[in-house]
Amino acid sequence: MIDTGNRGEGVGMAKEKFEEALNKLEKIVSRLEKGDIPLEESLKFFEEGIRLSRLCNQKLDEAEKRVEVLLKDEEGVLKPQAFDPSVNSGQVLSGHSGQNDSRLPEDSPVNDND
């Protein structure tokens, strides 16, 4: 049986790291895909997988909220602004994005005003 750590809801969950939880989840998925374990054990793995999946989603949401983007204001001063993934979802900042061109830092690797 794969050791997936703590199975108790909420116990140790706050201290579990994203990478550890994702690694455990990948092991569970791999084991379940093999299909060589009894139903009761499969259900336990499935429940743990759901818990780990929720934990990973929570950690990703927390990380997204902590990300800030440095943008220049009207005076050219860099100011942190909260990251909004819906603004540029699926787009790469390249200087061709319209209004955001002038707000990229001069030495930004995505600034192609050179």
N, C-alpha and C. Protein backbone atom coordinates (compact mmCIF):
# COMPACT_ATOMS: atom_id res chain seq x y z
N MET A 1 0.84 -1.19 0.00
CA MET A 1 0.00 0.00 0.00
C MET A 1 0.88 1.25 0.00
N ILE A 2 0.44 2.26 -0.70
CA ILE A 2 1.18 3.52 -0.79
C ILE A 2 0.93 4.32 0.47
N ASP A 3 2.01 4.82 1.07
CA ASP A 3 1.86 5.68 2.24
C ASP A 3 1.53 7.08 1.76
N THR A 4 0.31 7.50 2.02
CA THR A 4 -0.12 8.84 1.59
C THR A 4 -0.16 9.80 2.76
N GLY A 5 0.39 9.40 3.88
CA GLY A 5 0.44 10.31 5.02
C GLY A 5 -0.87 10.31 5.78
N ASN A 6 -1.19 11.46 6.31
CA ASN A 6 -2.34 11.63 7.17
C ASN A 6 -3.65 11.53 6.38
N ARG A 7 -4.56 10.70 6.88
CA ARG A 7 -5.87 10.59 6.23
C ARG A 7 -6.95 11.35 6.99
N GLY A 8 -6.63 11.93 8.11
CA GLY A 8 -7.63 12.65 8.90
C GLY A 8 -7.98 13.98 8.26
N GLU A 9 -9.25 14.27 8.12
CA GLU A 9 -9.71 15.54 7.54
C GLU A 9 -9.21 16.70 8.37
N GLY A 10 -8.49 17.57 7.76
CA GLY A 10 -8.08 18.80 8.41
C GLY A 10 -6.86 18.66 9.29
N VAL A 11 -6.55 17.48 9.79
CA VAL A 11 -5.41 17.29 10.67
C VAL A 11 -4.14 17.28 9.83
N GLY A 12 -3.25 18.23 10.09
CA GLY A 12 -2.01 18.31 9.34
C GLY A 12 -2.18 18.93 7.96
N MET A 13 -3.39 19.20 7.56
CA MET A 13 -3.66 19.69 6.23
C MET A 13 -3.04 21.06 6.00
N ALA A 14 -3.09 21.92 7.00
CA ALA A 14 -2.59 23.28 6.84
C ALA A 14 -1.07 23.30 6.68
N LYS A 15 -0.39 22.32 7.26
CA LYS A 15 1.06 22.29 7.21
C LYS A 15 1.59 21.51 6.02
N GLU A 16 0.73 20.75 5.35
CA GLU A 16 1.17 19.95 4.21
C GLU A 16 1.50 20.87 3.05
N LYS A 17 2.66 20.63 2.45
CA LYS A 17 3.11 21.47 1.35
C LYS A 17 2.47 21.03 0.05
N PHE A 18 2.32 21.99 -0.86
CA PHE A 18 1.71 21.72 -2.16
C PHE A 18 2.42 20.60 -2.89
N GLU A 19 3.75 20.68 -2.97
CA GLU A 19 4.52 19.69 -3.72
C GLU A 19 4.36 18.29 -3.13
N GLU A 20 4.32 18.20 -1.80
CA GLU A 20 4.13 16.91 -1.14
C GLU A 20 2.74 16.35 -1.45
N ALA A 21 1.74 17.21 -1.36
CA ALA A 21 0.37 16.79 -1.62
C ALA A 21 0.21 16.35 -3.07
N LEU A 22 0.80 17.09 -4.00
CA LEU A 22 0.71 16.74 -5.41
C LEU A 22 1.41 15.41 -5.69
N ASN A 23 2.56 15.20 -5.08
CA ASN A 23 3.29 13.95 -5.24
C ASN A 23 2.45 12.77 -4.74
N LYS A 24 1.85 12.93 -3.56
CA LYS A 24 1.00 11.88 -3.02
C LYS A 24 -0.20 11.62 -3.93
N LEU A 25 -0.79 12.69 -4.45
CA LEU A 25 -1.94 12.56 -5.34
C LEU A 25 -1.57 11.80 -6.61
N GLU A 26 -0.40 12.11 -7.16
CA GLU A 26 0.06 11.41 -8.36
C GLU A 26 0.25 9.92 -8.10
N LYS A 27 0.78 9.57 -6.93
CA LYS A 27 0.96 8.16 -6.57
C LYS A 27 -0.39 7.45 -6.44
N ILE A 28 -1.35 8.15 -5.83
CA ILE A 28 -2.68 7.56 -5.67
C ILE A 28 -3.32 7.32 -7.04
N VAL A 29 -3.25 8.31 -7.90
CA VAL A 29 -3.83 8.17 -9.24
C VAL A 29 -3.20 7.00 -9.98
N SER A 30 -1.88 6.91 -9.91
CA SER A 30 -1.16 5.82 -10.57
C SER A 30 -1.62 4.47 -10.04
N ARG A 31 -1.73 4.38 -8.74
CA ARG A 31 -2.15 3.11 -8.12
C ARG A 31 -3.59 2.77 -8.50
N LEU A 32 -4.48 3.74 -8.50
CA LEU A 32 -5.87 3.49 -8.87
C LEU A 32 -6.00 3.11 -10.35
N GLU A 33 -5.18 3.70 -11.19
CA GLU A 33 -5.22 3.38 -12.62
C GLU A 33 -4.82 1.95 -12.91
N LYS A 34 -3.95 1.38 -12.06
CA LYS A 34 -3.54 -0.01 -12.24
C LYS A 34 -4.71 -0.96 -12.04
N GLY A 35 -5.61 -0.60 -11.13
CA GLY A 35 -6.81 -1.39 -10.90
C GLY A 35 -6.58 -2.72 -10.21
N ASP A 36 -5.47 -2.87 -9.50
CA ASP A 36 -5.14 -4.15 -8.88
C ASP A 36 -5.34 -4.17 -7.37
N ILE A 37 -6.17 -3.26 -6.86
CA ILE A 37 -6.41 -3.22 -5.42
C ILE A 37 -7.90 -3.45 -5.14
N PRO A 38 -8.21 -3.99 -3.99
CA PRO A 38 -9.62 -4.27 -3.65
C PRO A 38 -10.45 -2.98 -3.58
N LEU A 39 -11.74 -3.16 -3.73
CA LEU A 39 -12.68 -2.04 -3.76
C LEU A 39 -12.57 -1.15 -2.52
N GLU A 40 -12.58 -1.73 -1.34
CA GLU A 40 -12.53 -0.93 -0.10
C GLU A 40 -11.26 -0.08 -0.05
N GLU A 41 -10.13 -0.67 -0.44
CA GLU A 41 -8.87 0.07 -0.44
C GLU A 41 -8.91 1.16 -1.51
N SER A 42 -9.51 0.85 -2.66
CA SER A 42 -9.66 1.84 -3.73
C SER A 42 -10.46 3.05 -3.26
N LEU A 43 -11.51 2.77 -2.49
CA LEU A 43 -12.34 3.86 -1.97
C LEU A 43 -11.57 4.74 -1.00
N LYS A 44 -10.72 4.11 -0.17
CA LYS A 44 -9.90 4.89 0.76
C LYS A 44 -8.92 5.77 -0.01
N PHE A 45 -8.29 5.19 -1.05
CA PHE A 45 -7.38 5.97 -1.88
C PHE A 45 -8.13 7.12 -2.57
N PHE A 46 -9.32 6.81 -3.07
CA PHE A 46 -10.12 7.84 -3.74
C PHE A 46 -10.44 8.99 -2.79
N GLU A 47 -10.86 8.68 -1.58
CA GLU A 47 -11.18 9.72 -0.59
C GLU A 47 -9.94 10.57 -0.29
N GLU A 48 -8.80 9.91 -0.12
CA GLU A 48 -7.56 10.64 0.15
C GLU A 48 -7.19 11.50 -1.07
N GLY A 49 -7.41 10.97 -2.25
CA GLY A 49 -7.13 11.73 -3.47
C GLY A 49 -7.99 12.98 -3.57
N ILE A 50 -9.24 12.87 -3.21
CA ILE A 50 -10.13 14.04 -3.22
C ILE A 50 -9.64 15.08 -2.22
N ARG A 51 -9.25 14.63 -1.02
CA ARG A 51 -8.74 15.56 -0.01
C ARG A 51 -7.49 16.27 -0.51
N LEU A 52 -6.58 15.50 -1.10
CA LEU A 52 -5.34 16.10 -1.62
C LEU A 52 -5.62 17.05 -2.78
N SER A 53 -6.56 16.69 -3.63
CA SER A 53 -6.93 17.56 -4.74
C SER A 53 -7.47 18.90 -4.24
N ARG A 54 -8.32 18.83 -3.24
CA ARG A 54 -8.86 20.06 -2.65
C ARG A 54 -7.76 20.89 -2.00
N LEU A 55 -6.84 20.21 -1.33
CA LEU A 55 -5.72 20.91 -0.70
C LEU A 55 -4.87 21.61 -1.75
N CYS A 56 -4.56 20.91 -2.84
CA CYS A 56 -3.76 21.52 -3.91
C CYS A 56 -4.48 22.73 -4.51
N ASN A 57 -5.77 22.60 -4.75
CA ASN A 57 -6.54 23.74 -5.28
C ASN A 57 -6.51 24.91 -4.31
N GLN A 58 -6.64 24.63 -3.03
CA GLN A 58 -6.61 25.69 -2.01
C GLN A 58 -5.24 26.38 -2.02
N LYS A 59 -4.17 25.59 -2.08
CA LYS A 59 -2.82 26.16 -2.09
C LYS A 59 -2.60 27.02 -3.34
N LEU A 60 -3.09 26.56 -4.48
CA LEU A 60 -2.95 27.34 -5.72
C LEU A 60 -3.74 28.65 -5.64
N ASP A 61 -4.94 28.59 -5.06
CA ASP A 61 -5.74 29.80 -4.89
C ASP A 61 -5.02 30.80 -3.98
N GLU A 62 -4.43 30.29 -2.89
CA GLU A 62 -3.69 31.16 -1.97
C GLU A 62 -2.49 31.80 -2.67
N ALA A 63 -1.79 31.01 -3.46
CA ALA A 63 -0.61 31.53 -4.17
C ALA A 63 -1.03 32.60 -5.17
N GLU A 64 -2.12 32.38 -5.88
CA GLU A 64 -2.61 33.35 -6.85
C GLU A 64 -2.95 34.67 -6.19
N LYS A 65 -3.53 34.61 -5.01
CA LYS A 65 -3.89 35.83 -4.29
C LYS A 65 -2.66 36.59 -3.82
N ARG A 66 -1.55 35.86 -3.60
CA ARG A 66 -0.33 36.51 -3.11
C ARG A 66 0.53 37.11 -4.21
N VAL A 67 0.28 36.71 -5.44
CA VAL A 67 1.10 37.20 -6.54
C VAL A 67 0.76 38.66 -6.82
N GLU A 68 1.79 39.46 -6.95
CA GLU A 68 1.61 40.86 -7.31
C GLU A 68 2.43 41.14 -8.56
N VAL A 69 1.93 42.05 -9.37
CA VAL A 69 2.63 42.46 -10.57
C VAL A 69 3.10 43.89 -10.37
N LEU A 70 4.35 44.14 -10.70
CA LEU A 70 4.85 45.51 -10.61
C LEU A 70 4.56 46.22 -11.92
N LEU A 71 3.83 47.30 -11.85
CA LEU A 71 3.49 48.10 -13.02
C LEU A 71 3.85 49.55 -12.75
N LYS A 72 4.20 50.27 -13.83
CA LYS A 72 4.51 51.69 -13.69
C LYS A 72 3.22 52.50 -13.66
N ASP A 73 3.20 53.47 -12.75
CA ASP A 73 2.06 54.38 -12.74
C ASP A 73 2.32 55.51 -13.73
N GLU A 74 1.48 56.54 -13.71
CA GLU A 74 1.58 57.66 -14.66
C GLU A 74 2.90 58.42 -14.54
N GLU A 75 3.49 58.43 -13.34
CA GLU A 75 4.77 59.12 -13.13
C GLU A 75 5.97 58.23 -13.41
N GLY A 76 5.74 57.00 -13.84
CA GLY A 76 6.83 56.09 -14.14
C GLY A 76 7.38 55.35 -12.93
N VAL A 77 6.67 55.42 -11.81
CA VAL A 77 7.11 54.75 -10.59
C VAL A 77 6.49 53.35 -10.55
N LEU A 78 7.33 52.34 -10.23
CA LEU A 78 6.82 50.97 -10.13
C LEU A 78 5.96 50.83 -8.89
N LYS A 79 4.77 50.31 -9.07
CA LYS A 79 3.82 50.10 -7.97
C LYS A 79 3.30 48.66 -8.05
N PRO A 80 3.24 47.98 -6.89
CA PRO A 80 2.68 46.62 -6.91
C PRO A 80 1.17 46.67 -7.10
N GLN A 81 0.67 45.77 -7.92
CA GLN A 81 -0.76 45.65 -8.13
C GLN A 81 -1.12 44.18 -8.07
N ALA A 82 -2.29 43.88 -7.56
CA ALA A 82 -2.72 42.49 -7.45
C ALA A 82 -2.82 41.87 -8.84
N PHE A 83 -2.40 40.63 -8.94
CA PHE A 83 -2.46 39.89 -10.19
C PHE A 83 -3.89 39.50 -10.47
N ASP A 84 -4.36 39.78 -11.67
CA ASP A 84 -5.70 39.39 -12.09
C ASP A 84 -5.56 38.47 -13.29
N PRO A 85 -5.72 37.15 -13.10
CA PRO A 85 -5.50 36.22 -14.19
C PRO A 85 -6.49 36.39 -15.33
N SER A 86 -7.64 36.99 -15.08
CA SER A 86 -8.63 37.17 -16.14
C SER A 86 -8.24 38.26 -17.12
N VAL A 87 -7.33 39.16 -16.72
CA VAL A 87 -6.92 40.25 -17.60
C VAL A 87 -6.14 39.74 -18.80
N ASN A 88 -5.15 38.88 -18.56
CA ASN A 88 -4.32 38.36 -19.64
C ASN A 88 -4.39 36.86 -19.75
N SER A 89 -5.52 36.26 -19.44
CA SER A 89 -5.60 34.80 -19.46
C SER A 89 -5.26 34.28 -20.85
N GLY A 90 -4.25 33.43 -20.88
CA GLY A 90 -3.85 32.82 -22.14
C GLY A 90 -2.99 33.71 -23.00
N GLN A 91 -2.70 34.91 -22.58
CA GLN A 91 -1.89 35.82 -23.38
C GLN A 91 -0.53 35.99 -22.75
N VAL A 92 0.46 36.20 -23.58
CA VAL A 92 1.80 36.49 -23.10
C VAL A 92 2.02 37.98 -23.28
N LEU A 93 2.50 38.64 -22.22
CA LEU A 93 2.80 40.05 -22.33
C LEU A 93 3.93 40.22 -23.32
N SER A 94 3.71 41.00 -24.38
CA SER A 94 4.73 41.10 -25.40
C SER A 94 4.92 42.51 -25.93
N GLY A 95 4.24 43.46 -25.38
CA GLY A 95 4.33 44.80 -25.92
C GLY A 95 3.28 45.03 -26.98
N HIS A 96 2.62 43.97 -27.44
CA HIS A 96 1.56 44.11 -28.43
C HIS A 96 0.18 44.05 -27.80
N SER A 97 0.14 44.13 -26.49
CA SER A 97 -1.12 43.94 -25.78
C SER A 97 -1.90 45.23 -25.62
N GLY A 98 -1.50 46.27 -26.29
CA GLY A 98 -2.28 47.50 -26.24
C GLY A 98 -1.87 48.40 -25.12
N GLN A 99 -2.82 48.70 -24.21
CA GLN A 99 -2.59 49.70 -23.18
C GLN A 99 -1.52 49.33 -22.17
N ASN A 100 -1.17 48.07 -22.00
CA ASN A 100 -0.19 47.70 -20.99
C ASN A 100 1.24 47.92 -21.44
N ASP A 101 1.51 48.18 -22.74
CA ASP A 101 2.87 48.36 -23.24
C ASP A 101 3.65 49.38 -22.43
N SER A 102 3.10 50.56 -22.28
CA SER A 102 3.82 51.65 -21.64
C SER A 102 3.99 51.45 -20.15
N ARG A 103 3.30 50.48 -19.58
CA ARG A 103 3.37 50.27 -18.15
C ARG A 103 4.37 49.20 -17.76
N LEU A 104 5.01 48.54 -18.74
CA LEU A 104 6.02 47.54 -18.43
C LEU A 104 7.31 48.23 -18.04
N PRO A 105 8.04 47.68 -17.10
CA PRO A 105 9.33 48.27 -16.73
C PRO A 105 10.27 48.26 -17.92
N GLU A 106 11.13 49.27 -17.98
CA GLU A 106 12.08 49.40 -19.09
C GLU A 106 12.93 48.16 -19.28
N ASP A 107 13.40 47.57 -18.17
CA ASP A 107 14.29 46.43 -18.26
C ASP A 107 13.55 45.09 -18.19
N SER A 108 12.24 45.11 -18.39
CA SER A 108 11.44 43.89 -18.35
C SER A 108 11.82 42.98 -19.51
N PRO A 109 11.97 41.67 -19.26
CA PRO A 109 12.29 40.75 -20.35
C PRO A 109 11.16 40.60 -21.36
N VAL A 110 9.93 41.03 -21.00
CA VAL A 110 8.83 40.94 -21.94
C VAL A 110 8.59 42.25 -22.70
N ASN A 111 9.39 43.25 -22.40
CA ASN A 111 9.26 44.54 -23.06
C ASN A 111 10.04 44.50 -24.36
N ASP A 112 9.36 44.60 -25.52
CA ASP A 112 10.09 44.57 -26.78
C ASP A 112 10.12 45.93 -27.45
N ASN A 113 10.32 46.96 -26.63
CA ASN A 113 10.48 48.31 -27.14
C ASN A 113 11.91 48.62 -27.51
N ASP A 114 12.81 47.60 -27.42
CA ASP A 114 14.23 47.81 -27.68
C ASP A 114 14.49 48.02 -29.15
